[in-house]
N, C-alpha and C. Protein backbone atom coordinates (compact mmCIF):
# COMPACT_ATOMS: atom_id res chain seq x y z
N UNK A 1 0.70 -0.76 -0.13
CA UNK A 1 -0.44 -0.05 0.21
C UNK A 1 1.87 1.03 0.10
N UNK A 2 1.96 1.54 0.66
CA UNK A 2 2.16 2.28 0.36
C UNK A 2 3.42 2.26 -0.77
N UNK A 3 4.24 1.65 -1.38
CA UNK A 3 4.48 1.87 -2.89
C UNK A 3 3.41 2.44 -3.82
N UNK A 4 2.04 1.81 -3.49
CA UNK A 4 1.39 2.35 -4.64
C UNK A 4 1.00 3.87 -4.11
N UNK A 5 1.15 4.74 -2.95
CA UNK A 5 0.17 5.61 -2.21
C UNK A 5 2.27 6.87 -3.06
N UNK A 6 3.15 5.89 -2.55
CA UNK A 6 3.94 6.56 -3.37
C UNK A 6 3.88 7.16 -4.76
N UNK A 7 3.59 6.17 -5.21
CA UNK A 7 3.36 6.45 -7.10
C UNK A 7 2.90 6.92 -7.34
N UNK A 8 1.63 7.69 -6.70
CA UNK A 8 0.79 8.43 -6.41
C UNK A 8 1.14 9.61 -6.92
N UNK A 9 1.87 10.01 -5.13
CA UNK A 9 2.27 11.12 -4.85
C UNK A 9 3.22 11.70 -5.89
N UNK A 10 4.59 10.95 -6.22
CA UNK A 10 5.45 11.26 -6.96
C UNK A 10 4.44 11.96 -8.69
N UNK A 11 4.13 10.46 -9.28
CA UNK A 11 3.47 10.83 -10.62
C UNK A 11 2.26 12.20 -10.56
N UNK A 12 1.28 12.31 -9.45
CA UNK A 12 0.57 13.19 -9.75
C UNK A 12 1.63 14.30 -9.08
N UNK A 13 2.76 15.08 -8.87
CA UNK A 13 3.20 15.86 -8.90
C UNK A 13 4.40 16.01 -9.76
N UNK A 14 4.73 15.26 -10.19
CA UNK A 14 4.98 15.55 -11.82
C UNK A 14 3.62 16.28 -12.54
N UNK A 15 2.86 15.31 -12.50
CA UNK A 15 1.81 15.32 -13.34
C UNK A 15 1.23 17.58 -12.89
N UNK A 16 1.66 17.86 -12.34
CA UNK A 16 0.78 18.71 -11.32
C UNK A 16 1.82 20.56 -12.22
N UNK A 17 3.09 19.60 -11.87
CA UNK A 17 4.59 20.70 -12.05
C UNK A 17 4.08 20.84 -13.77
N UNK A 18 4.09 19.36 -15.20
CA UNK A 18 3.95 19.95 -15.91
C UNK A 18 3.10 20.94 -15.93
N UNK A 19 1.65 20.91 -15.67
CA UNK A 19 0.39 21.65 -15.75
C UNK A 19 1.40 23.47 -15.57
N UNK A 20 1.13 23.42 -13.91
CA UNK A 20 1.96 24.23 -14.33
C UNK A 20 2.93 25.14 -15.73
N UNK A 21 3.92 24.86 -15.71
CA UNK A 21 4.92 25.28 -16.53
C UNK A 21 3.41 24.62 -17.82
N UNK A 22 3.17 24.35 -18.55
CA UNK A 22 1.87 24.58 -19.41
C UNK A 22 1.48 26.00 -19.43
N UNK A 23 0.58 26.08 -17.91
CA UNK A 23 -0.32 27.43 -18.28
C UNK A 23 0.44 28.49 -18.01
N UNK A 24 1.44 28.35 -17.11
CA UNK A 24 2.83 29.86 -17.47
C UNK A 24 3.00 30.55 -18.64
N UNK A 25 3.36 29.01 -19.14
CA UNK A 25 4.18 29.38 -21.28
C UNK A 25 2.77 29.51 -22.08
N UNK A 26 1.98 28.57 -21.83
CA UNK A 26 0.75 29.43 -22.66
C UNK A 26 0.09 30.76 -22.48
N UNK A 27 0.15 31.70 -21.26
CA UNK A 27 0.19 32.87 -21.12
C UNK A 27 0.77 34.30 -22.06
N UNK A 28 2.34 32.91 -21.50
CA UNK A 28 3.81 34.04 -22.55
C UNK A 28 3.67 34.51 -23.39
N UNK A 29 2.66 32.99 -24.59
CA UNK A 29 2.27 32.74 -25.75
C UNK A 29 1.40 33.68 -26.21
N UNK A 30 0.08 33.12 -25.54
CA UNK A 30 -1.12 33.34 -26.05
C UNK A 30 -1.95 34.85 -25.00
N UNK A 31 -2.27 36.13 -25.83
CA UNK A 31 -2.75 36.99 -25.18
C UNK A 31 -4.01 36.64 -25.75
N UNK A 32 -4.67 35.98 -24.45
CA UNK A 32 -6.49 36.32 -25.02
C UNK A 32 -6.42 36.03 -22.94
N UNK A 33 -7.98 36.19 -22.86
CA UNK A 33 -9.30 35.95 -22.06
C UNK A 33 -9.46 34.35 -22.06
N UNK A 34 -9.27 34.19 -22.94
CA UNK A 34 -9.67 32.16 -23.04
C UNK A 34 -8.25 31.69 -22.49
N UNK A 35 -8.58 30.22 -21.43
CA UNK A 35 -8.01 29.63 -20.04
C UNK A 35 -7.04 28.75 -21.56
N UNK A 36 -6.23 28.51 -22.73
CA UNK A 36 -5.55 28.26 -23.29
C UNK A 36 -4.48 27.36 -22.77
N UNK A 37 -3.91 27.57 -21.53
CA UNK A 37 -3.33 26.59 -20.42
C UNK A 37 -4.02 24.89 -20.00
N UNK A 38 -4.98 26.07 -19.87
CA UNK A 38 -6.08 24.64 -18.96
C UNK A 38 -5.57 23.45 -19.68
N UNK A 39 -6.71 24.61 -20.60
CA UNK A 39 -7.68 23.74 -21.84
C UNK A 39 -6.01 22.57 -22.55
N UNK A 40 -4.51 22.94 -22.83
CA UNK A 40 -3.82 22.41 -22.77
C UNK A 40 -3.41 20.90 -22.40
N UNK A 41 -3.44 21.75 -21.22
CA UNK A 41 -3.26 20.14 -19.89
C UNK A 41 -3.96 18.83 -20.15
N UNK A 42 -5.40 20.14 -20.03
CA UNK A 42 -6.50 19.26 -19.69
C UNK A 42 -6.66 18.19 -21.22
N UNK A 43 -6.27 18.58 -22.00
CA UNK A 43 -6.72 17.56 -23.41
C UNK A 43 -5.33 16.72 -23.36
N UNK A 44 -3.86 17.10 -22.74
CA UNK A 44 -2.69 16.52 -22.82
C UNK A 44 -2.76 15.62 -22.32
N UNK A 45 -3.70 15.78 -21.03
CA UNK A 45 -4.11 14.94 -19.96
C UNK A 45 -4.69 14.08 -20.82
N UNK A 46 -5.49 13.72 -21.29
CA UNK A 46 -6.91 12.98 -22.39
C UNK A 46 -6.50 12.16 -22.88
N UNK A 47 -5.64 12.35 -23.89
CA UNK A 47 -5.04 11.55 -24.93
C UNK A 47 -3.79 11.14 -24.41
N UNK A 48 -2.42 10.78 -22.95
CA UNK A 48 -2.29 10.13 -22.90
C UNK A 48 -3.44 8.61 -21.58
N UNK A 49 -3.69 9.74 -21.35
CA UNK A 49 -4.60 8.67 -20.78
C UNK A 49 -5.99 7.29 -21.06
N UNK A 50 -5.39 8.13 -22.71
CA UNK A 50 -6.18 6.81 -23.81
C UNK A 50 -5.08 6.48 -24.66
N UNK A 51 -3.89 6.58 -24.87
CA UNK A 51 -2.74 5.97 -24.71
C UNK A 51 -2.54 5.56 -23.92
N UNK A 52 -1.58 5.46 -22.37
CA UNK A 52 -2.20 4.70 -21.02
C UNK A 52 -2.68 3.07 -21.31
N UNK A 53 -3.88 3.63 -21.11
CA UNK A 53 -5.12 2.40 -20.59
C UNK A 53 -4.78 1.99 -21.97
N UNK A 54 -5.46 1.76 -23.26
CA UNK A 54 -5.38 1.09 -24.03
C UNK A 54 -4.02 0.74 -24.65
N UNK A 55 -2.88 0.47 -23.83
CA UNK A 55 -1.70 -0.04 -24.09
C UNK A 55 -1.50 -0.89 -22.45
N UNK A 56 -2.65 -0.60 -21.30
CA UNK A 56 -1.63 -1.74 -20.61
C UNK A 56 -3.92 -2.71 -20.70
N UNK A 57 -5.10 -2.60 -21.52
CA UNK A 57 -5.56 -2.94 -21.23
C UNK A 57 -5.48 -4.20 -22.89
N UNK A 58 -5.13 -3.94 -23.73
CA UNK A 58 -3.90 -4.39 -25.12
C UNK A 58 -3.07 -5.09 -24.61
N UNK A 59 -2.12 -4.59 -24.07
CA UNK A 59 -0.36 -5.27 -23.85
C UNK A 59 -0.16 -5.95 -22.68
N UNK A 60 -0.10 -4.73 -21.51
CA UNK A 60 0.80 -5.40 -20.71
C UNK A 60 -0.19 -6.41 -19.55
N UNK A 61 0.67 -6.52 -19.05
CA UNK A 61 -0.61 -7.48 -17.73
C UNK A 61 -0.59 -6.91 -16.44
N UNK A 62 -1.42 -7.94 -15.56
CA UNK A 62 -1.62 -7.01 -14.21
C UNK A 62 -0.48 -6.94 -13.00
N UNK A 63 0.76 -7.95 -13.83
CA UNK A 63 2.02 -6.99 -12.80
C UNK A 63 2.78 -6.07 -13.58
N UNK A 64 1.98 -4.93 -14.32
CA UNK A 64 2.30 -4.00 -14.05
C UNK A 64 1.55 -2.95 -13.15
N UNK A 65 0.29 -2.78 -12.30
CA UNK A 65 0.07 -1.99 -12.30
C UNK A 65 0.56 -1.01 -11.57
N UNK A 66 1.88 -0.66 -10.44
CA UNK A 66 2.61 -0.23 -10.33
C UNK A 66 2.70 1.79 -11.83
N UNK A 67 2.88 0.64 -12.86
CA UNK A 67 3.09 1.84 -13.80
C UNK A 67 2.08 2.34 -14.18
N UNK A 68 0.40 1.33 -13.89
CA UNK A 68 -0.62 1.94 -14.47
C UNK A 68 -0.48 3.40 -13.13
N UNK A 69 0.08 3.33 -11.98
CA UNK A 69 -0.56 4.19 -10.64
C UNK A 69 -0.04 4.78 -11.41
N UNK A 70 0.97 4.77 -11.33
CA UNK A 70 1.97 6.41 -11.33
C UNK A 70 1.78 6.68 -12.57
N UNK A 71 1.68 6.35 -13.78
CA UNK A 71 1.17 7.39 -15.37
C UNK A 71 -0.75 7.72 -15.17
N UNK A 72 -0.92 7.26 -14.81
CA UNK A 72 -2.50 7.06 -15.41
C UNK A 72 -3.10 7.62 -14.32
N UNK A 73 -3.00 7.23 -12.90
CA UNK A 73 -3.81 7.27 -11.79
C UNK A 73 -3.16 8.57 -11.59
N UNK A 74 -1.77 8.89 -10.80
CA UNK A 74 -0.62 9.98 -10.46
C UNK A 74 -0.78 11.19 -11.75
N UNK A 75 -0.05 10.70 -12.75
CA UNK A 75 0.59 11.54 -14.07
C UNK A 75 -0.37 12.25 -14.32
N UNK A 76 -1.38 11.25 -15.21
CA UNK A 76 -1.99 12.04 -15.98
C UNK A 76 -3.59 12.80 -14.85
N UNK A 77 -3.84 12.39 -13.22
CA UNK A 77 -4.64 12.79 -12.04
C UNK A 77 -4.10 14.13 -12.57
N UNK A 78 -2.15 14.35 -12.29
CA UNK A 78 -1.98 15.81 -11.66
C UNK A 78 -1.86 17.35 -12.68
N UNK A 79 -1.96 16.44 -14.34
CA UNK A 79 -1.92 17.32 -15.14
C UNK A 79 -3.34 17.67 -15.27
N UNK A 80 -4.46 17.04 -15.63
CA UNK A 80 -4.82 17.45 -15.77
C UNK A 80 -6.26 17.86 -14.43
N UNK A 81 -7.00 19.06 -14.37
CA UNK A 81 -7.86 19.54 -14.05
C UNK A 81 -9.27 19.69 -13.56
N UNK A 82 -10.30 19.48 -13.25
CA UNK A 82 -10.98 20.22 -12.93
C UNK A 82 -11.52 21.41 -12.38
N UNK A 83 -11.33 21.01 -11.37
CA UNK A 83 -11.19 22.76 -10.37
C UNK A 83 -10.84 24.04 -11.02
N UNK A 84 -9.35 23.99 -11.94
CA UNK A 84 -9.25 24.62 -11.86
C UNK A 84 -9.54 26.13 -13.50
N UNK A 85 -10.68 24.12 -13.98
CA UNK A 85 -11.61 24.36 -15.60
C UNK A 85 -12.54 24.99 -15.42
N UNK A 86 -12.90 24.85 -13.69
CA UNK A 86 -14.28 25.64 -13.67
C UNK A 86 -13.98 26.37 -13.31
N UNK A 87 -12.71 27.26 -12.13
CA UNK A 87 -13.29 28.40 -12.31
C UNK A 87 -12.75 29.09 -12.74
N UNK A 88 -12.04 28.91 -13.99
CA UNK A 88 -11.55 29.98 -15.33
C UNK A 88 -12.65 29.91 -15.74
N UNK A 89 -13.47 28.81 -16.30
CA UNK A 89 -15.66 29.16 -16.83
C UNK A 89 -15.82 30.33 -15.89
N UNK A 90 -16.66 30.27 -14.81
CA UNK A 90 -16.78 30.44 -13.53
C UNK A 90 -16.51 32.55 -13.87
N UNK A 91 -15.29 32.08 -14.08
CA UNK A 91 -14.37 33.38 -14.37
C UNK A 91 -14.87 34.18 -15.86
N UNK A 92 -14.53 33.74 -16.61
CA UNK A 92 -15.02 34.32 -18.07
C UNK A 92 -16.90 34.72 -17.80
N UNK A 93 -17.68 33.81 -17.00
CA UNK A 93 -19.04 34.71 -17.38
C UNK A 93 -19.08 35.50 -16.49
N UNK A 94 -18.12 35.08 -14.72
CA UNK A 94 -18.32 37.28 -14.22
C UNK A 94 -18.20 37.99 -14.64
N UNK A 95 -16.96 37.50 -16.20
CA UNK A 95 -16.72 39.28 -16.47
C UNK A 95 -17.28 39.32 -18.19
N UNK A 96 -17.90 38.71 -17.91
CA UNK A 96 -19.37 38.97 -19.19
C UNK A 96 -18.53 38.17 -20.46
N UNK A 97 -17.64 37.52 -20.81
CA UNK A 97 -16.88 36.36 -21.90
C UNK A 97 -17.92 34.93 -21.99
N UNK A 98 -19.05 35.68 -22.33
CA UNK A 98 -20.15 34.12 -22.23
C UNK A 98 -19.64 33.56 -23.29
N UNK A 99 -19.65 34.17 -24.00
CA UNK A 99 -19.44 33.07 -25.98
C UNK A 99 -17.58 32.77 -24.87
N UNK A 100 -16.67 33.63 -24.67
CA UNK A 100 -16.00 32.26 -24.91
C UNK A 100 -15.93 30.50 -23.16
N UNK A 101 -16.61 31.13 -22.14
CA UNK A 101 -17.29 30.36 -21.41
C UNK A 101 -17.76 28.85 -21.79
N UNK A 102 -18.98 29.29 -23.03
CA UNK A 102 -19.08 28.57 -23.48
C UNK A 102 -17.96 27.13 -24.84
N UNK A 103 -17.32 28.01 -25.06
CA UNK A 103 -16.03 27.90 -25.95
C UNK A 103 -15.88 26.78 -25.28
N UNK A 104 -14.96 27.31 -24.88
CA UNK A 104 -14.55 27.23 -23.00
C UNK A 104 -14.90 25.41 -22.84
N UNK A 105 -16.10 25.44 -22.60
CA UNK A 105 -16.60 24.15 -22.33
C UNK A 105 -16.75 23.14 -22.79
N UNK A 106 -17.43 23.59 -24.21
CA UNK A 106 -17.58 23.19 -25.34
C UNK A 106 -16.21 22.08 -25.90
N UNK A 107 -15.16 22.74 -25.91
CA UNK A 107 -13.83 22.71 -27.00
C UNK A 107 -13.73 21.85 -26.05
N UNK A 108 -13.21 21.66 -24.10
CA UNK A 108 -13.09 20.85 -23.15
C UNK A 108 -13.48 19.44 -23.32
N UNK A 109 -14.75 19.45 -23.39
CA UNK A 109 -15.53 18.78 -22.78
C UNK A 109 -15.62 17.39 -24.44
N UNK A 110 -15.52 18.80 -25.67
CA UNK A 110 -16.45 17.73 -26.73
C UNK A 110 -14.98 17.53 -27.41
N UNK A 111 -13.46 18.40 -26.90
CA UNK A 111 -11.95 16.98 -27.41
C UNK A 111 -11.44 16.43 -26.32
N UNK A 112 -11.68 16.20 -25.09
CA UNK A 112 -11.28 15.26 -24.93
C UNK A 112 -12.16 13.57 -24.74
N UNK A 113 -13.63 13.70 -24.68
CA UNK A 113 -14.23 13.07 -25.40
C UNK A 113 -14.08 12.60 -26.63
N UNK A 114 -13.47 13.04 -27.61
CA UNK A 114 -13.44 13.01 -29.72
C UNK A 114 -11.51 12.22 -28.66
N UNK A 115 -11.09 12.45 -27.88
CA UNK A 115 -9.84 12.15 -28.59
C UNK A 115 -10.25 10.58 -27.58
N UNK A 116 -10.67 10.00 -26.98
CA UNK A 116 -10.69 9.40 -26.93
C UNK A 116 -11.44 7.82 -27.05
N UNK A 117 -13.00 8.76 -28.48
CA UNK A 117 -13.40 8.25 -28.92
C UNK A 117 -12.14 7.69 -29.93
N UNK A 118 -11.42 8.44 -30.51
CA UNK A 118 -10.31 8.22 -31.79
C UNK A 118 -9.20 7.19 -31.12
N UNK A 119 -8.70 7.45 -30.05
CA UNK A 119 -7.94 5.63 -29.37
C UNK A 119 -8.93 4.91 -29.20
N UNK A 120 -10.03 4.22 -29.36
CA UNK A 120 -11.12 3.54 -29.20
C UNK A 120 -11.38 2.84 -30.01
N UNK A 121 -11.22 3.33 -31.25
CA UNK A 121 -12.39 3.47 -32.15
C UNK A 121 -11.78 2.43 -33.00
N UNK A 122 -10.64 2.37 -33.32
CA UNK A 122 -10.65 0.75 -33.85
C UNK A 122 -10.21 -0.06 -33.32
N UNK A 123 -10.47 -0.78 -32.38
CA UNK A 123 -11.17 -1.40 -31.67
C UNK A 123 -11.75 -1.99 -30.73
């Protein structure tokens, strides 16, 4: 159990650090009110989860549970963030940027589901 918690802790910390860097550099690259950093981090996490789950379901055996805990639950869980997505959407609404708020929800949810669908469509 302690090993599992440690794998989750390290994976989650690395994912959260990458999310922070994506957000920070997105602000420098794009001058917009649209929360592009959170969108990118969440979409990257969705794609990675899809790839990792695909690999684990089809190619890895049960002995790889530690890798699954580290990559899927830890790293991708730390990289993605529903709470930041929610607060940024709420802030867009408060600022009167209703179109950006709707686009944020539609793109985030739609692209996240689409990325999973494309990965699993073949099987």
